[in-house]
All heavy atoms as atom14 arrays in JSON, in Angstrom:
{
  "sequence": "LYHDGWMAGTAVVRPPWDLLSPARDPLAFPWELYDLRHDWT",
  "atom14_mask": [
    [1, 1, 1, 1, 1, 1, 1, 1, 0, 0, 0, 0, 0, 0],
    [1, 1, 1, 1, 1, 1, 1, 1, 1, 1, 1, 1, 0, 0],
    [1, 1, 1, 1, 1, 1, 1, 1, 1, 1, 0, 0, 0, 0],
    [1, 1, 1, 1, 1, 1, 1, 1, 0, 0, 0, 0, 0, 0],
    [1, 1, 1, 1, 0, 0, 0, 0, 0, 0, 0, 0, 0, 0],
    [1, 1, 1, 1, 1, 1, 1, 1, 1, 1, 1, 1, 1, 1],
    [1, 1, 1, 1, 1, 1, 1, 1, 0, 0, 0, 0, 0, 0],
    [1, 1, 1, 1, 1, 0, 0, 0, 0, 0, 0, 0, 0, 0],
    [1, 1, 1, 1, 0, 0, 0, 0, 0, 0, 0, 0, 0, 0],
    [1, 1, 1, 1, 1, 1, 1, 0, 0, 0, 0, 0, 0, 0],
    [1, 1, 1, 1, 1, 0, 0, 0, 0, 0, 0, 0, 0, 0],
    [1, 1, 1, 1, 1, 1, 1, 0, 0, 0, 0, 0, 0, 0],
    [1, 1, 1, 1, 1, 1, 1, 0, 0, 0, 0, 0, 0, 0],
    [1, 1, 1, 1, 1, 1, 1, 1, 1, 1, 1, 0, 0, 0],
    [1, 1, 1, 1, 1, 1, 1, 0, 0, 0, 0, 0, 0, 0],
    [1, 1, 1, 1, 1, 1, 1, 0, 0, 0, 0, 0, 0, 0],
    [1, 1, 1, 1, 1, 1, 1, 1, 1, 1, 1, 1, 1, 1],
    [1, 1, 1, 1, 1, 1, 1, 1, 0, 0, 0, 0, 0, 0],
    [1, 1, 1, 1, 1, 1, 1, 1, 0, 0, 0, 0, 0, 0],
    [1, 1, 1, 1, 1, 1, 1, 1, 0, 0, 0, 0, 0, 0],
    [1, 1, 1, 1, 1, 1, 0, 0, 0, 0, 0, 0, 0, 0],
    [1, 1, 1, 1, 1, 1, 1, 0, 0, 0, 0, 0, 0, 0],
    [1, 1, 1, 1, 1, 0, 0, 0, 0, 0, 0, 0, 0, 0],
    [1, 1, 1, 1, 1, 1, 1, 1, 1, 1, 1, 0, 0, 0],
    [1, 1, 1, 1, 1, 1, 1, 1, 0, 0, 0, 0, 0, 0],
    [1, 1, 1, 1, 1, 1, 1, 0, 0, 0, 0, 0, 0, 0],
    [1, 1, 1, 1, 1, 1, 1, 1, 0, 0, 0, 0, 0, 0],
    [1, 1, 1, 1, 1, 0, 0, 0, 0, 0, 0, 0, 0, 0],
    [1, 1, 1, 1, 1, 1, 1, 1, 1, 1, 1, 0, 0, 0],
    [1, 1, 1, 1, 1, 1, 1, 0, 0, 0, 0, 0, 0, 0],
    [1, 1, 1, 1, 1, 1, 1, 1, 1, 1, 1, 1, 1, 1],
    [1, 1, 1, 1, 1, 1, 1, 1, 1, 0, 0, 0, 0, 0],
    [1, 1, 1, 1, 1, 1, 1, 1, 0, 0, 0, 0, 0, 0],
    [1, 1, 1, 1, 1, 1, 1, 1, 1, 1, 1, 1, 0, 0],
    [1, 1, 1, 1, 1, 1, 1, 1, 0, 0, 0, 0, 0, 0],
    [1, 1, 1, 1, 1, 1, 1, 1, 0, 0, 0, 0, 0, 0],
    [1, 1, 1, 1, 1, 1, 1, 1, 1, 1, 1, 0, 0, 0],
    [1, 1, 1, 1, 1, 1, 1, 1, 1, 1, 0, 0, 0, 0],
    [1, 1, 1, 1, 1, 1, 1, 1, 0, 0, 0, 0, 0, 0],
    [1, 1, 1, 1, 1, 1, 1, 1, 1, 1, 1, 1, 1, 1],
    [1, 1, 1, 1, 1, 1, 1, 0, 0, 0, 0, 0, 0, 0]
  ],
  "atom14_positions": [
    [[0.86, -1.18, 0.0], [0.0, 0.0, 0.0], [0.89, 1.24, 0.0], [1.72, 1.41, 0.91], [-0.92, -0.02, 1.22], [-2.09, 0.98, 1.33], [-1.66, 2.39, 1.65], [-2.93, 0.97, 0.06], [0.0, 0.0, 0.0], [0.0, 0.0, 0.0], [0.0, 0.0, 0.0], [0.0, 0.0, 0.0], [0.0, 0.0, 0.0], [0.0, 0.0, 0.0]],
    [[0.74, 2.06, -1.04], [1.43, 3.36, -1.08], [0.47, 4.42, -0.57], [-0.7, 4.47, -0.95], [1.84, 3.7, -2.51], [2.27, 5.14, -2.67], [3.6, 5.51, -2.42], [1.36, 6.14, -3.0], [3.99, 6.83, -2.52], [1.76, 7.47, -3.11], [3.06, 7.82, -2.85], [3.45, 9.12, -2.94], [0.0, 0.0, 0.0], [0.0, 0.0, 0.0]],
    [[1.0, 5.32, 0.27], [0.18, 6.46, 0.71], [1.1, 7.62, 1.09], [1.92, 7.51, 2.01], [-0.7, 6.09, 1.9], [-1.53, 7.25, 2.39], [-2.57, 7.77, 1.64], [-1.47, 7.99, 3.52], [-3.11, 8.79, 2.31], [-2.47, 8.94, 3.45], [0.0, 0.0, 0.0], [0.0, 0.0, 0.0], [0.0, 0.0, 0.0], [0.0, 0.0, 0.0]],
    [[0.96, 8.71, 0.33], [1.58, 9.98, 0.69], [3.07, 9.85, 1.04], [3.53, 10.34, 2.07], [0.81, 10.61, 1.86], [1.12, 12.08, 2.02], [1.59, 12.69, 1.04], [0.91, 12.61, 3.13], [0.0, 0.0, 0.0], [0.0, 0.0, 0.0], [0.0, 0.0, 0.0], [0.0, 0.0, 0.0], [0.0, 0.0, 0.0], [0.0, 0.0, 0.0]],
    [[3.81, 9.15, 0.17], [5.26, 9.07, 0.37], [5.74, 7.89, 1.18], [6.96, 7.74, 1.37], [0.0, 0.0, 0.0], [0.0, 0.0, 0.0], [0.0, 0.0, 0.0], [0.0, 0.0, 0.0], [0.0, 0.0, 0.0], [0.0, 0.0, 0.0], [0.0, 0.0, 0.0], [0.0, 0.0, 0.0], [0.0, 0.0, 0.0], [0.0, 0.0, 0.0]],
    [[4.83, 7.07, 1.66], [5.2, 5.87, 2.4], [4.73, 4.62, 1.65], [3.73, 4.66, 0.94], [4.58, 5.87, 3.79], [5.11, 6.9, 4.72], [4.75, 8.21, 4.79], [6.12, 6.73, 5.73], [5.46, 8.87, 5.76], [6.31, 7.97, 6.36], [6.87, 5.63, 6.16], [7.22, 8.15, 7.4], [7.78, 5.8, 7.2], [7.95, 7.05, 7.8]],
    [[5.45, 3.53, 1.84], [5.09, 2.27, 1.19], [5.24, 1.14, 2.19], [6.33, 0.88, 2.7], [6.02, 2.01, 0.0], [5.68, 0.78, -0.8], [4.58, 1.19, -2.17], [4.87, -0.21, -3.26], [0.0, 0.0, 0.0], [0.0, 0.0, 0.0], [0.0, 0.0, 0.0], [0.0, 0.0, 0.0], [0.0, 0.0, 0.0], [0.0, 0.0, 0.0]],
    [[4.13, 0.49, 2.48], [4.14, -0.7, 3.33], [3.84, -1.89, 2.45], [2.92, -1.86, 1.62], [3.08, -0.59, 4.44], [0.0, 0.0, 0.0], [0.0, 0.0, 0.0], [0.0, 0.0, 0.0], [0.0, 0.0, 0.0], [0.0, 0.0, 0.0], [0.0, 0.0, 0.0], [0.0, 0.0, 0.0], [0.0, 0.0, 0.0], [0.0, 0.0, 0.0]],
    [[4.63, -2.95, 2.59], [4.41, -4.12, 1.75], [4.93, -5.38, 2.41], [5.71, -5.34, 3.36], [0.0, 0.0, 0.0], [0.0, 0.0, 0.0], [0.0, 0.0, 0.0], [0.0, 0.0, 0.0], [0.0, 0.0, 0.0], [0.0, 0.0, 0.0], [0.0, 0.0, 0.0], [0.0, 0.0, 0.0], [0.0, 0.0, 0.0], [0.0, 0.0, 0.0]],
    [[4.52, -6.5, 1.87], [4.96, -7.77, 2.43], [6.38, -8.09, 1.94], [6.77, -7.73, 0.83], [4.01, -8.91, 2.02], [3.83, -8.89, 0.6], [2.66, -8.74, 2.69], [0.0, 0.0, 0.0], [0.0, 0.0, 0.0], [0.0, 0.0, 0.0], [0.0, 0.0, 0.0], [0.0, 0.0, 0.0], [0.0, 0.0, 0.0], [0.0, 0.0, 0.0]],
    [[7.12, -8.79, 2.8], [8.41, -9.31, 2.39], [8.2, -10.42, 1.37], [7.16, -11.09, 1.37], [9.18, -9.84, 3.6], [0.0, 0.0, 0.0], [0.0, 0.0, 0.0], [0.0, 0.0, 0.0], [0.0, 0.0, 0.0], [0.0, 0.0, 0.0], [0.0, 0.0, 0.0], [0.0, 0.0, 0.0], [0.0, 0.0, 0.0], [0.0, 0.0, 0.0]],
    [[9.16, -10.63, 0.49], [9.02, -11.63, -0.56], [9.2, -13.01, 0.04], [10.25, -13.33, 0.63], [10.02, -11.38, -1.69], [9.89, -12.47, -2.76], [9.79, -10.0, -2.29], [0.0, 0.0, 0.0], [0.0, 0.0, 0.0], [0.0, 0.0, 0.0], [0.0, 0.0, 0.0], [0.0, 0.0, 0.0], [0.0, 0.0, 0.0], [0.0, 0.0, 0.0]],
    [[8.19, -13.85, -0.12], [8.19, -15.19, 0.44], [8.56, -16.23, -0.63], [9.26, -17.19, -0.35], [6.81, -15.52, 1.06], [6.74, -16.96, 1.52], [6.53, -14.58, 2.23], [0.0, 0.0, 0.0], [0.0, 0.0, 0.0], [0.0, 0.0, 0.0], [0.0, 0.0, 0.0], [0.0, 0.0, 0.0], [0.0, 0.0, 0.0], [0.0, 0.0, 0.0]],
    [[8.06, -16.02, -1.85], [8.39, -16.92, -2.95], [9.08, -16.14, -4.05], [8.49, -15.28, -4.69], [7.11, -17.56, -3.53], [7.37, -18.48, -4.72], [6.08, -18.86, -5.43], [5.38, -17.72, -5.99], [5.68, -17.12, -7.13], [6.71, -17.54, -7.85], [4.97, -16.09, -7.56], [0.0, 0.0, 0.0], [0.0, 0.0, 0.0], [0.0, 0.0, 0.0]],
    [[10.38, -16.41, -4.31], [11.05, -15.71, -5.41], [10.33, -16.0, -6.72], [9.81, -17.1, -6.93], [12.47, -16.32, -5.4], [12.64, -16.89, -4.05], [11.28, -17.33, -3.6], [0.0, 0.0, 0.0], [0.0, 0.0, 0.0], [0.0, 0.0, 0.0], [0.0, 0.0, 0.0], [0.0, 0.0, 0.0], [0.0, 0.0, 0.0], [0.0, 0.0, 0.0]],
    [[10.32, -15.04, -7.64], [9.52, -15.21, -8.87], [10.05, -16.28, -9.82], [9.35, -16.64, -10.76], [9.58, -13.83, -9.52], [10.76, -13.15, -8.9], [10.89, -13.69, -7.53], [0.0, 0.0, 0.0], [0.0, 0.0, 0.0], [0.0, 0.0, 0.0], [0.0, 0.0, 0.0], [0.0, 0.0, 0.0], [0.0, 0.0, 0.0], [0.0, 0.0, 0.0]],
    [[11.26, -16.78, -9.59], [11.75, -17.87, -10.43], [11.39, -19.22, -9.84], [11.62, -20.26, -10.45], [13.27, -17.77, -10.63], [14.01, -17.54, -9.34], [14.42, -18.49, -8.45], [14.42, -16.27, -8.81], [15.07, -17.89, -7.39], [15.08, -16.53, -7.59], [14.3, -14.96, -9.25], [15.61, -15.51, -6.79], [14.83, -13.95, -8.46], [15.48, -14.23, -7.26]],
    [[10.81, -19.23, -8.65], [10.33, -20.46, -8.01], [8.87, -20.64, -8.4], [7.97, -20.1, -7.77], [10.5, -20.35, -6.49], [9.99, -21.59, -5.76], [9.63, -22.57, -6.43], [9.94, -21.56, -4.52], [0.0, 0.0, 0.0], [0.0, 0.0, 0.0], [0.0, 0.0, 0.0], [0.0, 0.0, 0.0], [0.0, 0.0, 0.0], [0.0, 0.0, 0.0]],
    [[8.62, -21.39, -9.47], [7.3, -21.42, -10.08], [6.41, -22.55, -9.58], [5.2, -22.51, -9.76], [7.44, -21.53, -11.6], [8.27, -20.42, -12.28], [8.35, -20.67, -13.76], [7.69, -19.04, -11.98], [0.0, 0.0, 0.0], [0.0, 0.0, 0.0], [0.0, 0.0, 0.0], [0.0, 0.0, 0.0], [0.0, 0.0, 0.0], [0.0, 0.0, 0.0]],
    [[6.99, -23.57, -8.96], [6.21, -24.75, -8.62], [6.03, -24.98, -7.14], [5.4, -25.97, -6.75], [6.85, -26.0, -9.25], [6.44, -26.35, -10.67], [7.21, -27.56, -11.16], [4.95, -26.59, -10.78], [0.0, 0.0, 0.0], [0.0, 0.0, 0.0], [0.0, 0.0, 0.0], [0.0, 0.0, 0.0], [0.0, 0.0, 0.0], [0.0, 0.0, 0.0]],
    [[6.53, -24.08, -6.29], [6.4, -24.33, -4.86], [4.94, -24.19, -4.43], [4.17, -23.43, -5.03], [7.27, -23.36, -4.07], [6.82, -22.04, -4.25], [0.0, 0.0, 0.0], [0.0, 0.0, 0.0], [0.0, 0.0, 0.0], [0.0, 0.0, 0.0], [0.0, 0.0, 0.0], [0.0, 0.0, 0.0], [0.0, 0.0, 0.0], [0.0, 0.0, 0.0]],
    [[4.54, -24.91, -3.39], [3.13, -24.84, -2.94], [2.77, -23.43, -2.46], [3.64, -22.65, -2.05], [3.09, -25.84, -1.77], [4.28, -26.72, -1.97], [5.32, -25.88, -2.61], [0.0, 0.0, 0.0], [0.0, 0.0, 0.0], [0.0, 0.0, 0.0], [0.0, 0.0, 0.0], [0.0, 0.0, 0.0], [0.0, 0.0, 0.0], [0.0, 0.0, 0.0]],
    [[1.51, -23.13, -2.51], [1.02, -21.84, -2.0], [1.23, -21.76, -0.5], [1.19, -22.77, 0.21], [-0.45, -21.66, -2.34], [0.0, 0.0, 0.0], [0.0, 0.0, 0.0], [0.0, 0.0, 0.0], [0.0, 0.0, 0.0], [0.0, 0.0, 0.0], [0.0, 0.0, 0.0], [0.0, 0.0, 0.0], [0.0, 0.0, 0.0], [0.0, 0.0, 0.0]],
    [[1.48, -20.55, -0.01], [1.64, -20.31, 1.41], [0.53, -19.4, 1.88], [-0.09, -18.7, 1.09], [3.01, -19.7, 1.7], [4.19, -20.6, 1.34], [5.5, -19.87, 1.43], [6.67, -20.7, 1.25], [7.18, -21.06, 0.08], [6.61, -20.64, -1.03], [8.24, -21.83, 0.02], [0.0, 0.0, 0.0], [0.0, 0.0, 0.0], [0.0, 0.0, 0.0]],
    [[0.31, -19.39, 3.18], [-0.73, -18.57, 3.75], [-0.34, -17.1, 3.63], [0.59, -16.65, 4.3], [-0.94, -18.93, 5.21], [-2.02, -18.08, 5.88], [-2.69, -17.29, 5.16], [-2.21, -18.19, 7.1], [0.0, 0.0, 0.0], [0.0, 0.0, 0.0], [0.0, 0.0, 0.0], [0.0, 0.0, 0.0], [0.0, 0.0, 0.0], [0.0, 0.0, 0.0]],
    [[-1.01, -16.32, 2.78], [-0.59, -14.93, 2.6], [-0.79, -14.08, 3.86], [-0.12, -13.04, 4.01], [-1.49, -14.44, 1.46], [-2.64, -15.36, 1.42], [-2.13, -16.68, 1.9], [0.0, 0.0, 0.0], [0.0, 0.0, 0.0], [0.0, 0.0, 0.0], [0.0, 0.0, 0.0], [0.0, 0.0, 0.0], [0.0, 0.0, 0.0], [0.0, 0.0, 0.0]],
    [[-1.64, -14.51, 4.75], [-1.83, -13.74, 6.0], [-0.62, -13.86, 6.91], [-0.48, -13.05, 7.85], [-3.1, -14.21, 6.71], [-4.4, -14.05, 5.95], [-5.58, -14.5, 6.8], [-4.6, -12.6, 5.49], [0.0, 0.0, 0.0], [0.0, 0.0, 0.0], [0.0, 0.0, 0.0], [0.0, 0.0, 0.0], [0.0, 0.0, 0.0], [0.0, 0.0, 0.0]],
    [[0.23, -14.84, 6.64], [1.42, -15.02, 7.47], [2.65, -14.29, 6.91], [3.71, -14.32, 7.53], [1.74, -16.51, 7.62], [0.0, 0.0, 0.0], [0.0, 0.0, 0.0], [0.0, 0.0, 0.0], [0.0, 0.0, 0.0], [0.0, 0.0, 0.0], [0.0, 0.0, 0.0], [0.0, 0.0, 0.0], [0.0, 0.0, 0.0], [0.0, 0.0, 0.0]],
    [[2.52, -13.64, 5.77], [3.66, -12.93, 5.18], [4.07, -11.77, 6.1], [3.22, -10.97, 6.51], [3.31, -12.36, 3.82], [3.07, -13.37, 2.72], [3.09, -14.73, 3.0], [2.85, -12.96, 1.43], [2.87, -15.67, 2.0], [2.63, -13.88, 0.42], [2.64, -15.25, 0.71], [0.0, 0.0, 0.0], [0.0, 0.0, 0.0], [0.0, 0.0, 0.0]],
    [[5.36, -11.64, 6.42], [5.8, -10.48, 7.2], [5.73, -9.2, 6.38], [5.77, -9.24, 5.15], [7.25, -10.83, 7.56], [7.68, -11.8, 6.5], [6.47, -12.57, 6.09], [0.0, 0.0, 0.0], [0.0, 0.0, 0.0], [0.0, 0.0, 0.0], [0.0, 0.0, 0.0], [0.0, 0.0, 0.0], [0.0, 0.0, 0.0], [0.0, 0.0, 0.0]],
    [[5.65, -8.05, 7.07], [5.52, -6.76, 6.4], [6.78, -5.93, 6.57], [7.52, -6.08, 7.55], [4.32, -5.98, 6.96], [2.99, -6.45, 6.43], [2.35, -7.61, 6.75], [2.15, -5.75, 5.52], [1.15, -7.69, 6.07], [1.0, -6.56, 5.31], [2.24, -4.54, 4.84], [-0.04, -6.2, 4.46], [1.2, -4.16, 3.99], [0.08, -4.99, 3.8]],
    [[6.99, -5.05, 5.6], [8.09, -4.09, 5.63], [7.52, -2.69, 5.42], [6.37, -2.54, 4.99], [9.11, -4.4, 4.53], [9.74, -5.78, 4.63], [10.58, -6.16, 3.44], [10.43, -5.51, 2.38], [11.37, -7.11, 3.54], [0.0, 0.0, 0.0], [0.0, 0.0, 0.0], [0.0, 0.0, 0.0], [0.0, 0.0, 0.0], [0.0, 0.0, 0.0]],
    [[8.33, -1.69, 5.73], [7.88, -0.3, 5.58], [9.05, 0.54, 5.03], [10.18, 0.42, 5.49], [7.44, 0.28, 6.93], [6.97, 1.73, 6.93], [5.65, 1.86, 6.18], [6.82, 2.25, 8.37], [0.0, 0.0, 0.0], [0.0, 0.0, 0.0], [0.0, 0.0, 0.0], [0.0, 0.0, 0.0], [0.0, 0.0, 0.0], [0.0, 0.0, 0.0]],
    [[8.72, 1.39, 4.05], [9.74, 2.24, 3.43], [9.24, 3.68, 3.4], [8.09, 3.95, 3.04], [10.04, 1.76, 2.01], [10.62, 0.37, 1.99], [9.79, -0.74, 1.78], [11.98, 0.16, 2.19], [10.31, -2.02, 1.79], [12.51, -1.13, 2.19], [11.67, -2.22, 1.99], [12.21, -3.47, 2.0], [0.0, 0.0, 0.0], [0.0, 0.0, 0.0]],
    [[10.14, 4.61, 3.76], [9.87, 6.03, 3.69], [10.4, 6.55, 2.36], [11.58, 6.91, 2.25], [10.54, 6.74, 4.87], [10.22, 8.24, 4.89], [9.55, 8.73, 3.96], [10.68, 8.91, 5.84], [0.0, 0.0, 0.0], [0.0, 0.0, 0.0], [0.0, 0.0, 0.0], [0.0, 0.0, 0.0], [0.0, 0.0, 0.0], [0.0, 0.0, 0.0]],
    [[9.54, 6.58, 1.35], [9.98, 6.92, 0.01], [10.37, 8.37, -0.14], [11.05, 8.74, -1.11], [8.88, 6.57, -1.0], [8.42, 5.11, -1.02], [7.29, 4.93, -2.02], [9.56, 4.16, -1.31], [0.0, 0.0, 0.0], [0.0, 0.0, 0.0], [0.0, 0.0, 0.0], [0.0, 0.0, 0.0], [0.0, 0.0, 0.0], [0.0, 0.0, 0.0]],
    [[10.02, 9.19, 0.81], [10.39, 10.6, 0.75], [11.9, 10.76, 0.85], [12.49, 11.7, 0.29], [9.72, 11.39, 1.87], [8.18, 11.31, 1.84], [7.6, 11.85, 3.12], [8.13, 11.13, 4.29], [7.89, 11.47, 5.56], [7.15, 12.54, 5.82], [8.4, 10.77, 6.54], [0.0, 0.0, 0.0], [0.0, 0.0, 0.0], [0.0, 0.0, 0.0]],
    [[12.53, 9.82, 1.57], [13.98, 9.87, 1.77], [14.69, 8.61, 1.26], [15.92, 8.52, 1.33], [14.3, 10.05, 3.26], [13.6, 11.22, 3.89], [12.51, 11.08, 4.73], [13.79, 12.55, 3.75], [12.08, 12.28, 5.11], [12.84, 13.19, 4.51], [0.0, 0.0, 0.0], [0.0, 0.0, 0.0], [0.0, 0.0, 0.0], [0.0, 0.0, 0.0]],
    [[13.92, 7.67, 0.78], [14.47, 6.39, 0.33], [13.72, 5.96, -0.93], [12.83, 5.13, -0.89], [14.32, 5.34, 1.45], [14.85, 3.97, 1.05], [15.63, 3.89, 0.09], [14.45, 2.97, 1.69], [0.0, 0.0, 0.0], [0.0, 0.0, 0.0], [0.0, 0.0, 0.0], [0.0, 0.0, 0.0], [0.0, 0.0, 0.0], [0.0, 0.0, 0.0]],
    [[14.12, 6.55, -2.05], [13.38, 6.42, -3.3], [13.37, 4.99, -3.84], [12.47, 4.6, -4.59], [14.01, 7.37, -4.33], [13.18, 7.64, -5.53], [12.1, 8.48, -5.62], [13.38, 7.11, -6.84], [11.61, 8.5, -6.9], [12.38, 7.66, -7.68], [14.3, 6.22, -7.4], [12.29, 7.36, -9.03], [14.22, 5.92, -8.74], [13.21, 6.48, -9.54]],
    [[14.37, 4.19, -3.48], [14.52, 2.85, -4.07], [14.12, 1.72, -3.12], [14.35, 0.55, -3.44], [15.98, 2.62, -4.49], [16.83, 2.73, -3.34], [16.41, 3.62, -5.54], [0.0, 0.0, 0.0], [0.0, 0.0, 0.0], [0.0, 0.0, 0.0], [0.0, 0.0, 0.0], [0.0, 0.0, 0.0], [0.0, 0.0, 0.0], [0.0, 0.0, 0.0]]
  ]
}
């Protein structure tokens, strides 16, 4: 979720080259937070 210069998102659980791994519970994904006003990348 982006809002007014901040970005909160889940940490990557399945790398995009891992195509066949079983699904995981998305509610268990850990979250991260980025202050895009000072950290553009």
